[in-house]
Amino acid sequence: MMQNDVVVVGGGISGLSLAFYCVQAGMKTTILEKNDTIGGSFASPSYSANGKKFWLELGAHTCYSSYQNLLEIIETCGIKDTIIPRAKVPFTLFMNGEIKSIVSQLNILELLVSVPNLFKLKKDGLSVKSYYSKIVGERNYRDVVSHFFNAVPSQVTDDFPADMMFKSREKRKDVLKNYTFKNGLQSVARAISARSGLNVFTNQNVSSVRYVDGFYEIRTADGGEYSAKTLVLATPSMISSKLLQETNPVIANQLGLLKAADVDSLGVIVHKENISMKPVAALISPNDVFFSVVSRDTVPDENYRGFVFHFKPGLDDKTKRSRITEVLGIGMSKIEHTVSKLNTVPSLQLGHHQWLEKTDSLLKKEKNLLLTGNYFGGMAIEDCVSRSRSEFDRLRR
């Protein structure tokens, strides 16, 4: 059985950032990731042909200058010089086969009447729908704005807590307002995983967790065995709940209260000359079979263009491919390459702050059990890293 100071289950940005802090403190740390690559929503698969390389983002798409904790990790890993700007191309609506601007579909009179509520209405205790429908007007919210909100986590966000949808954070003036990296966001995951003292094992699906004589014993489906004084679960809440049923049923049941949604993403790569659509950052199509189509036009390439369709769950492959060709206006024979990924994101509800307070209260009694992920303070990249930082600080205390 492999001995460690810390074992981290889950190799997404939450697990990677917590592992980073542990390694920086001199702890022997191992990450167990069930997929064949690390990064989770930091997924930037690349395609090569005729000596040309092109990558796509299949999860997160952008970083911001307000991501203070993430930027500290980037600087420590020595990859700040790989930060690149995103081209200024528009977020658009796709309606009746045509690209339309957001402003063109808003009822301006309703917006002017409603927008003063922005200065007097507080988000606390309100859902996304109840808050923003008063800010932009009910019709504008229903027909336009709600669909952009839904595109962020690829699910209906009407009942999300309004104060968790978008957060204001202090920005770093020495960093681009929004940016990515020369080889995509997954280069951050690769840089962290290369840190000295960190072991990363992929294709390791953890099947059980036991607590024996002050140590956690972690076993994988293929027979791997690992032991550590400290266990970190950086997996979706339902998976963490299942893994803790034997060792800590109280926390397991608390995690089981949360709901989540699957994000079914299918990316396509096309030669530039085969597509006439003007450059866009994303397409939002109200009441369509997808929540959004996010483009690689934000990082222009001389040979290819890429589009990632974030579909609603449960669609068959034929339906997805048919809609892709309709939207892009090309046949499947013109698509150079496809790649898919399934991510899990939380379905946040009003009352989440109370859930979090109780969860953290329960964790105070479990010094060597750490929980991190995108279902605590919010789903943004910085929310994940900040949660990992706070859990590491709790371990050190």
Protein backbone atom coordinates (compact mmCIF):
# COMPACT_ATOMS: atom_id res chain seq x y z
CA MET A 1 0.00 0.00 0.00
CA MET A 2 1.51 3.32 -1.10
CA GLN A 3 2.06 5.64 1.89
CA ASN A 4 1.39 9.39 1.60
CA ASP A 5 0.85 12.44 3.74
CA VAL A 6 -2.10 13.45 1.57
CA VAL A 7 -4.19 11.63 -1.03
CA VAL A 8 -6.37 13.79 -3.28
CA VAL A 9 -9.25 12.08 -5.08
CA GLY A 10 -10.04 14.10 -8.20
CA GLY A 11 -7.62 15.82 -10.58
CA GLY A 12 -9.67 18.86 -11.61
CA ILE A 13 -8.57 22.39 -10.75
CA SER A 14 -9.96 22.00 -7.21
CA GLY A 15 -7.94 18.89 -6.46
CA LEU A 16 -4.87 20.18 -8.28
CA SER A 17 -4.81 23.49 -6.42
CA LEU A 18 -5.19 21.82 -3.03
CA ALA A 19 -2.43 19.37 -3.95
CA PHE A 20 -0.29 22.34 -5.00
CA TYR A 21 -0.61 23.92 -1.55
CA CYS A 22 0.20 20.62 0.16
CA VAL A 23 3.32 20.05 -1.93
CA GLN A 24 4.46 23.62 -1.28
CA ALA A 25 4.27 22.80 2.43
CA GLY A 26 6.49 19.75 1.96
CA MET A 27 3.78 17.09 2.17
CA LYS A 28 4.08 13.90 0.11
CA THR A 29 0.94 14.14 -1.99
CA THR A 30 -0.77 11.86 -4.49
CA ILE A 31 -3.63 12.69 -6.86
CA LEU A 32 -5.93 9.92 -8.09
CA GLU A 33 -7.86 10.86 -11.24
CA LYS A 34 -10.40 8.52 -12.82
CA ASN A 35 -9.99 9.88 -16.36
CA ASP A 36 -6.98 9.39 -18.61
CA THR A 37 -5.99 13.06 -18.37
CA ILE A 38 -5.91 15.57 -15.54
CA GLY A 39 -7.65 18.92 -15.44
CA GLY A 40 -11.36 18.15 -15.16
CA SER A 41 -13.09 21.22 -16.61
CA PHE A 42 -9.61 22.45 -17.59
CA ALA A 43 -9.78 20.30 -20.72
CA SER A 44 -7.91 21.53 -23.80
CA PRO A 45 -7.57 18.53 -26.12
CA SER A 46 -5.45 19.22 -29.19
CA TYR A 47 -5.63 18.05 -32.77
CA SER A 48 -2.68 17.81 -35.14
CA ALA A 49 -2.65 17.43 -38.92
CA ASN A 50 0.05 18.21 -41.47
CA GLY A 51 2.25 19.66 -38.78
CA LYS A 52 -0.47 22.06 -37.60
CA LYS A 53 -1.75 21.91 -34.00
CA PHE A 54 -5.05 23.25 -32.72
CA TRP A 55 -6.65 23.00 -29.27
CA LEU A 56 -10.19 23.40 -27.98
CA GLU A 57 -11.64 24.11 -24.54
CA LEU A 58 -14.23 21.53 -23.51
CA GLY A 59 -15.00 22.95 -20.07
CA ALA A 60 -13.95 26.32 -18.68
CA HIS A 61 -13.10 28.89 -21.35
CA THR A 62 -11.73 32.05 -19.73
CA CYS A 63 -9.67 33.34 -16.79
CA TYR A 64 -9.89 36.83 -15.32
CA SER A 65 -7.60 39.30 -13.56
CA SER A 66 -9.72 38.95 -10.43
CA TYR A 67 -8.56 35.34 -9.94
CA GLN A 68 -5.99 36.19 -7.29
CA ASN A 69 -5.33 32.71 -5.88
CA LEU A 70 -5.14 31.13 -9.31
CA LEU A 71 -2.67 33.79 -10.47
CA GLU A 72 -0.41 33.11 -7.50
CA ILE A 73 -0.27 29.45 -8.49
CA ILE A 74 0.40 30.37 -12.13
CA GLU A 75 3.28 32.61 -11.08
CA THR A 76 4.78 29.99 -8.78
CA CYS A 77 4.59 27.41 -11.57
CA GLY A 78 6.44 29.82 -13.87
CA ILE A 79 3.85 29.99 -16.65
CA LYS A 80 2.67 33.58 -16.33
CA ASP A 81 4.52 34.36 -19.57
CA THR A 82 2.23 31.96 -21.44
CA ILE A 83 -0.84 34.10 -20.73
CA ILE A 84 -2.36 35.45 -23.96
CA PRO A 85 -5.26 37.84 -24.63
CA ARG A 86 -8.62 36.81 -26.02
CA ALA A 87 -9.72 38.46 -29.24
CA LYS A 88 -12.67 40.85 -28.92
CA VAL A 89 -15.45 39.01 -30.69
CA PRO A 90 -19.10 39.23 -29.64
CA PHE A 91 -21.38 37.01 -27.60
CA THR A 92 -24.44 36.62 -29.79
CA LEU A 93 -27.89 35.12 -30.11
CA PHE A 94 -28.67 32.49 -32.72
CA MET A 95 -32.33 32.70 -33.75
CA ASN A 96 -34.10 31.25 -36.78
CA GLY A 97 -30.80 30.39 -38.36
CA GLU A 98 -29.41 33.92 -38.02
CA ILE A 99 -26.87 35.53 -35.72
CA LYS A 100 -28.30 38.51 -33.88
CA SER A 101 -26.86 40.94 -31.36
CA ILE A 102 -28.06 40.86 -27.78
CA VAL A 103 -29.15 44.49 -27.82
CA SER A 104 -31.30 43.99 -30.90
CA GLN A 105 -33.50 41.52 -29.03
CA LEU A 106 -33.97 43.54 -25.85
CA ASN A 107 -37.04 45.65 -25.17
CA ILE A 108 -35.25 48.93 -24.49
CA LEU A 109 -38.26 50.63 -22.90
CA GLU A 110 -38.70 47.80 -20.42
CA LEU A 111 -34.96 47.87 -19.70
CA LEU A 112 -34.96 51.61 -19.00
CA VAL A 113 -37.92 51.26 -16.65
CA SER A 114 -36.39 48.33 -14.76
CA VAL A 115 -32.67 49.12 -14.55
CA PRO A 116 -32.97 51.66 -11.67
CA ASN A 117 -33.72 48.63 -9.46
CA LEU A 118 -30.04 47.77 -9.81
CA PHE A 119 -29.21 50.51 -7.32
CA LYS A 120 -31.77 49.62 -4.66
CA LEU A 121 -32.40 45.88 -4.89
CA LYS A 122 -30.14 43.50 -2.96
CA LYS A 123 -29.32 39.97 -4.13
CA ASP A 124 -29.39 38.40 -0.67
CA GLY A 125 -32.10 35.76 -0.39
CA LEU A 126 -33.24 36.18 -4.00
CA SER A 127 -33.01 33.71 -6.86
CA VAL A 128 -31.48 34.59 -10.20
CA LYS A 129 -34.94 34.88 -11.73
CA SER A 130 -36.51 36.97 -8.97
CA TYR A 131 -33.55 39.38 -8.90
CA TYR A 132 -32.61 39.81 -12.56
CA SER A 133 -36.17 39.91 -13.89
CA LYS A 134 -36.54 43.08 -11.82
CA ILE A 135 -33.26 44.50 -13.13
CA VAL A 136 -33.87 43.97 -16.86
CA GLY A 137 -37.64 43.44 -16.92
CA GLU A 138 -39.58 40.21 -16.98
CA ARG A 139 -39.84 39.96 -20.76
CA ASN A 140 -36.16 40.74 -21.32
CA TYR A 141 -35.22 38.19 -18.70
CA ARG A 142 -37.48 35.47 -20.14
CA ASP A 143 -36.62 35.99 -23.82
CA VAL A 144 -32.94 36.97 -23.70
CA VAL A 145 -31.05 37.34 -20.43
CA SER A 146 -32.04 34.05 -18.78
CA HIS A 147 -30.58 32.10 -21.70
CA PHE A 148 -27.18 33.73 -21.21
CA PHE A 149 -27.28 32.84 -17.52
CA ASN A 150 -28.24 29.25 -18.39
CA ALA A 151 -25.24 29.06 -20.72
CA VAL A 152 -22.77 29.60 -17.86
CA PRO A 153 -23.36 26.27 -16.04
CA SER A 154 -25.26 24.65 -18.95
CA GLN A 155 -28.49 24.26 -17.03
CA VAL A 156 -31.54 26.33 -16.09
CA THR A 157 -30.43 28.85 -13.47
CA ASP A 158 -33.76 30.44 -12.47
CA ASP A 159 -33.52 29.05 -8.93
CA PHE A 160 -29.79 29.67 -8.39
CA PRO A 161 -28.94 32.09 -5.56
CA ALA A 162 -28.51 35.48 -7.23
CA ASP A 163 -25.45 36.35 -5.13
CA MET A 164 -23.61 33.21 -6.32
CA MET A 165 -24.08 33.73 -10.04
CA PHE A 166 -21.57 36.52 -10.55
CA LYS A 167 -19.19 37.90 -7.94
CA SER A 168 -17.24 41.13 -7.77
CA ARG A 169 -13.57 40.61 -6.89
CA GLU A 170 -10.58 42.89 -6.70
CA LYS A 171 -8.68 42.85 -9.99
CA ARG A 172 -4.95 42.72 -10.61
CA LYS A 173 -3.91 45.61 -12.81
CA ASP A 174 -0.75 43.85 -14.03
CA VAL A 175 -2.74 41.06 -15.70
CA LEU A 176 -5.08 41.07 -18.69
CA LYS A 177 -8.73 41.55 -17.78
CA ASN A 178 -9.64 38.23 -19.41
CA TYR A 179 -7.18 35.78 -20.84
CA THR A 180 -6.24 32.22 -21.63
CA PHE A 181 -2.93 30.43 -22.29
CA LYS A 182 -0.92 29.60 -25.40
CA ASN A 183 -1.85 25.94 -25.13
CA GLY A 184 -5.23 26.36 -23.44
CA LEU A 185 -6.32 26.20 -19.81
CA GLN A 186 -5.16 22.62 -19.41
CA SER A 187 -1.58 23.87 -19.48
CA VAL A 188 -2.23 25.17 -15.95
CA ALA A 189 -3.23 21.65 -14.87
CA ARG A 190 -0.13 20.20 -16.48
CA ALA A 191 2.12 22.75 -14.78
CA ILE A 192 0.71 21.95 -11.34
CA SER A 193 0.94 18.19 -11.90
CA ALA A 194 4.63 18.56 -12.77
CA ARG A 195 5.49 20.01 -9.35
CA SER A 196 8.21 18.16 -7.48
CA GLY A 197 6.82 15.97 -4.70
CA LEU A 198 3.44 15.45 -6.38
CA ASN A 199 2.44 12.05 -7.74
CA VAL A 200 -0.38 12.00 -10.27
CA PHE A 201 -2.03 8.74 -11.29
CA THR A 202 -4.69 8.77 -14.01
CA ASN A 203 -7.22 6.04 -14.86
CA GLN A 204 -7.65 5.49 -11.11
CA ASN A 205 -11.33 5.15 -10.26
CA VAL A 206 -11.57 5.15 -6.45
CA SER A 207 -14.00 2.48 -5.29
CA SER A 208 -13.76 2.65 -1.50
CA VAL A 209 -12.45 4.66 1.42
CA ARG A 210 -11.83 3.30 4.93
CA TYR A 211 -10.44 4.88 8.08
CA VAL A 212 -8.15 2.53 10.00
CA ASP A 213 -5.93 3.39 12.99
CA GLY A 214 -5.72 7.09 12.15
CA PHE A 215 -5.12 6.64 8.43
CA TYR A 216 -7.35 6.70 5.38
CA GLU A 217 -7.09 3.66 3.14
CA ILE A 218 -8.11 4.33 -0.44
CA ARG A 219 -8.69 1.54 -2.96
CA THR A 220 -9.29 1.80 -6.68
CA ALA A 221 -11.36 -0.37 -9.00
CA ASP A 222 -8.26 -1.95 -10.56
CA GLY A 223 -6.79 -2.97 -7.20
CA GLY A 224 -4.61 0.05 -6.36
CA GLU A 225 -4.11 0.75 -2.65
CA TYR A 226 -3.08 4.04 -1.08
CA SER A 227 -2.79 5.24 2.51
CA ALA A 228 -2.66 8.77 3.92
CA LYS A 229 -3.18 10.64 7.14
CA THR A 230 -5.15 13.29 5.24
CA LEU A 231 -7.82 12.61 2.62
CA VAL A 232 -8.99 15.23 0.14
CA LEU A 233 -12.16 14.65 -1.85
CA ALA A 234 -12.27 16.91 -4.90
CA THR A 235 -15.04 15.11 -6.75
CA PRO A 236 -18.71 15.97 -7.44
CA SER A 237 -20.74 16.00 -4.24
CA MET A 238 -22.63 12.80 -5.00
CA ILE A 239 -19.40 10.85 -5.58
CA SER A 240 -17.89 12.21 -2.37
CA SER A 241 -21.09 11.26 -0.57
CA LYS A 242 -20.82 7.65 -1.75
CA LEU A 243 -17.14 7.37 -0.81
CA LEU A 244 -17.80 8.62 2.74
CA GLN A 245 -20.81 6.43 3.54
CA GLU A 246 -18.72 3.97 5.55
CA THR A 247 -16.27 6.32 7.27
CA ASN A 248 -18.46 9.37 7.89
CA PRO A 249 -22.18 8.82 7.15
CA VAL A 250 -23.20 12.18 8.67
CA ILE A 251 -21.11 14.20 6.22
CA ALA A 252 -21.99 11.75 3.45
CA ASN A 253 -25.68 12.40 3.98
CA GLN A 254 -25.06 16.15 4.08
CA LEU A 255 -23.30 16.00 0.71
CA GLY A 256 -26.11 13.85 -0.65
CA LEU A 257 -28.54 16.75 -0.23
CA LEU A 258 -27.02 18.59 -3.19
CA LYS A 259 -28.11 18.19 -6.78
CA ALA A 260 -25.97 18.30 -9.89
CA ALA A 261 -26.27 18.30 -13.67
CA ASP A 262 -24.21 16.71 -16.42
CA VAL A 263 -22.79 18.91 -19.17
CA ASP A 264 -22.54 17.03 -22.46
CA SER A 265 -19.97 18.82 -24.61
CA LEU A 266 -19.06 18.02 -28.21
CA GLY A 267 -16.31 19.97 -29.93
CA VAL A 268 -15.73 20.20 -33.68
CA ILE A 269 -12.77 21.49 -35.66
CA VAL A 270 -13.24 22.88 -39.16
CA HIS A 271 -10.88 24.29 -41.81
CA LYS A 272 -11.39 28.05 -41.96
CA GLU A 273 -12.21 28.06 -45.66
CA ASN A 274 -15.10 25.64 -45.12
CA ILE A 275 -17.17 27.89 -42.88
CA SER A 276 -18.63 31.32 -43.60
CA MET A 277 -19.95 32.20 -40.12
CA LYS A 278 -18.45 35.45 -38.88
CA PRO A 279 -16.19 35.26 -35.78
CA VAL A 280 -18.06 35.01 -32.48
CA ALA A 281 -17.22 34.32 -28.85
CA ALA A 282 -20.36 32.25 -28.39
CA LEU A 283 -23.82 31.56 -29.75
CA ILE A 284 -26.82 31.40 -27.42
CA SER A 285 -29.93 29.89 -28.97
CA PRO A 286 -33.06 30.23 -26.78
CA ASN A 287 -34.99 27.00 -26.29
CA ASP A 288 -32.59 24.99 -28.45
CA VAL A 289 -31.13 21.51 -27.84
CA PHE A 290 -27.90 23.15 -26.63
CA PHE A 291 -27.24 25.78 -23.97
CA SER A 292 -24.41 27.42 -25.89
CA VAL A 293 -21.86 27.09 -28.66
CA VAL A 294 -18.51 28.45 -27.52
CA SER A 295 -16.02 29.33 -30.25
CA ARG A 296 -12.20 29.27 -30.41
CA ASP A 297 -12.46 32.51 -32.39
CA THR A 298 -11.31 34.26 -29.20
CA VAL A 299 -7.87 32.80 -30.01
CA PRO A 300 -7.71 33.05 -33.82
CA ASP A 301 -5.82 30.42 -35.80
CA GLU A 302 -4.58 30.67 -39.37
CA ASN A 303 -5.83 27.21 -40.34
CA TYR A 304 -8.79 26.13 -38.22
CA ARG A 305 -11.86 27.25 -36.34
CA GLY A 306 -13.32 25.33 -33.43
CA PHE A 307 -16.76 25.21 -31.81
CA VAL A 308 -17.85 23.45 -28.63
CA PHE A 309 -21.56 22.66 -28.35
CA HIS A 310 -22.74 22.31 -24.74
CA PHE A 311 -25.81 20.13 -25.24
CA LYS A 312 -28.74 19.46 -22.99
CA PRO A 313 -28.45 15.94 -21.49
CA GLY A 314 -29.99 12.83 -22.97
CA LEU A 315 -29.57 13.50 -26.68
CA ASP A 316 -28.45 10.79 -29.08
CA ASP A 317 -25.39 11.26 -31.27
CA LYS A 318 -27.42 11.64 -34.47
CA THR A 319 -29.46 14.53 -33.03
CA LYS A 320 -26.34 16.32 -31.82
CA ARG A 321 -24.46 15.98 -35.08
CA SER A 322 -27.49 17.03 -37.09
CA ARG A 323 -27.86 20.22 -35.06
CA ILE A 324 -24.14 20.98 -35.35
CA THR A 325 -24.26 20.86 -39.14
CA GLU A 326 -27.41 23.00 -39.22
CA VAL A 327 -25.90 25.71 -37.03
CA LEU A 328 -22.53 25.77 -38.78
CA GLY A 329 -24.05 25.44 -42.25
CA ILE A 330 -21.77 22.59 -43.35
CA GLY A 331 -21.97 18.83 -43.84
CA MET A 332 -20.26 16.35 -41.54
CA SER A 333 -17.71 15.64 -44.29
CA LYS A 334 -16.35 19.17 -43.77
CA ILE A 335 -15.71 18.61 -40.07
CA GLU A 336 -12.05 17.78 -39.61
CA HIS A 337 -12.20 16.38 -36.08
CA THR A 338 -14.61 15.86 -33.16
CA VAL A 339 -13.97 15.42 -29.44
CA SER A 340 -16.37 15.00 -26.53
CA LYS A 341 -16.41 15.33 -22.75
CA LEU A 342 -18.93 14.94 -19.95
CA ASN A 343 -18.56 17.26 -16.95
CA THR A 344 -20.64 17.47 -13.76
CA VAL A 345 -21.65 20.84 -12.33
CA PRO A 346 -23.72 21.63 -9.21
CA SER A 347 -27.33 22.76 -9.34
CA LEU A 348 -27.25 25.47 -6.70
CA GLN A 349 -30.44 26.41 -4.86
CA LEU A 350 -31.60 29.06 -2.41
CA GLY A 351 -30.51 27.98 1.04
CA HIS A 352 -27.06 26.92 -0.18
CA HIS A 353 -25.33 29.28 2.24
CA GLN A 354 -27.04 27.54 5.15
CA TRP A 355 -26.04 24.16 3.72
CA LEU A 356 -22.44 25.32 3.45
CA GLU A 357 -22.41 26.66 7.01
CA LYS A 358 -23.61 23.32 8.37
CA THR A 359 -21.15 21.38 6.20
CA ASP A 360 -18.18 23.42 7.41
CA SER A 361 -19.40 23.02 10.99
CA LEU A 362 -19.33 19.24 10.56
CA LEU A 363 -15.87 19.38 8.99
CA LYS A 364 -14.41 21.18 12.02
CA LYS A 365 -14.48 17.84 13.81
CA GLU A 366 -12.62 16.15 10.94
CA LYS A 367 -9.22 17.82 10.77
CA ASN A 368 -7.78 15.37 8.25
CA LEU A 369 -10.77 15.21 5.91
CA LEU A 370 -10.83 18.04 3.37
CA LEU A 371 -13.60 18.74 0.86
CA THR A 372 -13.22 20.99 -2.13
CA GLY A 373 -14.91 21.51 -5.48
CA ASN A 374 -17.23 23.78 -7.43
CA TYR A 375 -20.22 23.23 -5.12
CA PHE A 376 -19.09 25.35 -2.17
CA GLY A 377 -18.64 29.08 -2.74
CA GLY A 378 -19.47 29.13 -6.44
CA MET A 379 -18.64 27.54 -9.77
CA ALA A 380 -16.07 30.03 -11.06
CA ILE A 381 -12.45 28.86 -11.31
CA GLU A 382 -11.42 31.20 -8.52
CA ASP A 383 -14.20 29.89 -6.27
CA CYS A 384 -12.73 26.40 -6.64
CA VAL A 385 -9.16 27.50 -5.93
CA SER A 386 -10.24 29.69 -3.01
CA ARG A 387 -12.09 26.75 -1.46
CA SER A 388 -8.94 24.63 -1.79
CA ARG A 389 -6.88 27.38 -0.20
CA SER A 390 -9.26 27.67 2.76
CA GLU A 391 -9.32 23.89 3.29
CA PHE A 392 -5.51 23.78 3.20
CA ASP A 393 -5.39 26.58 5.77
CA ARG A 394 -7.77 24.56 7.96
CA LEU A 395 -5.43 21.57 7.71
CA ARG A 396 -2.42 23.68 8.69
CA ARG A 397 -4.23 25.16 11.68
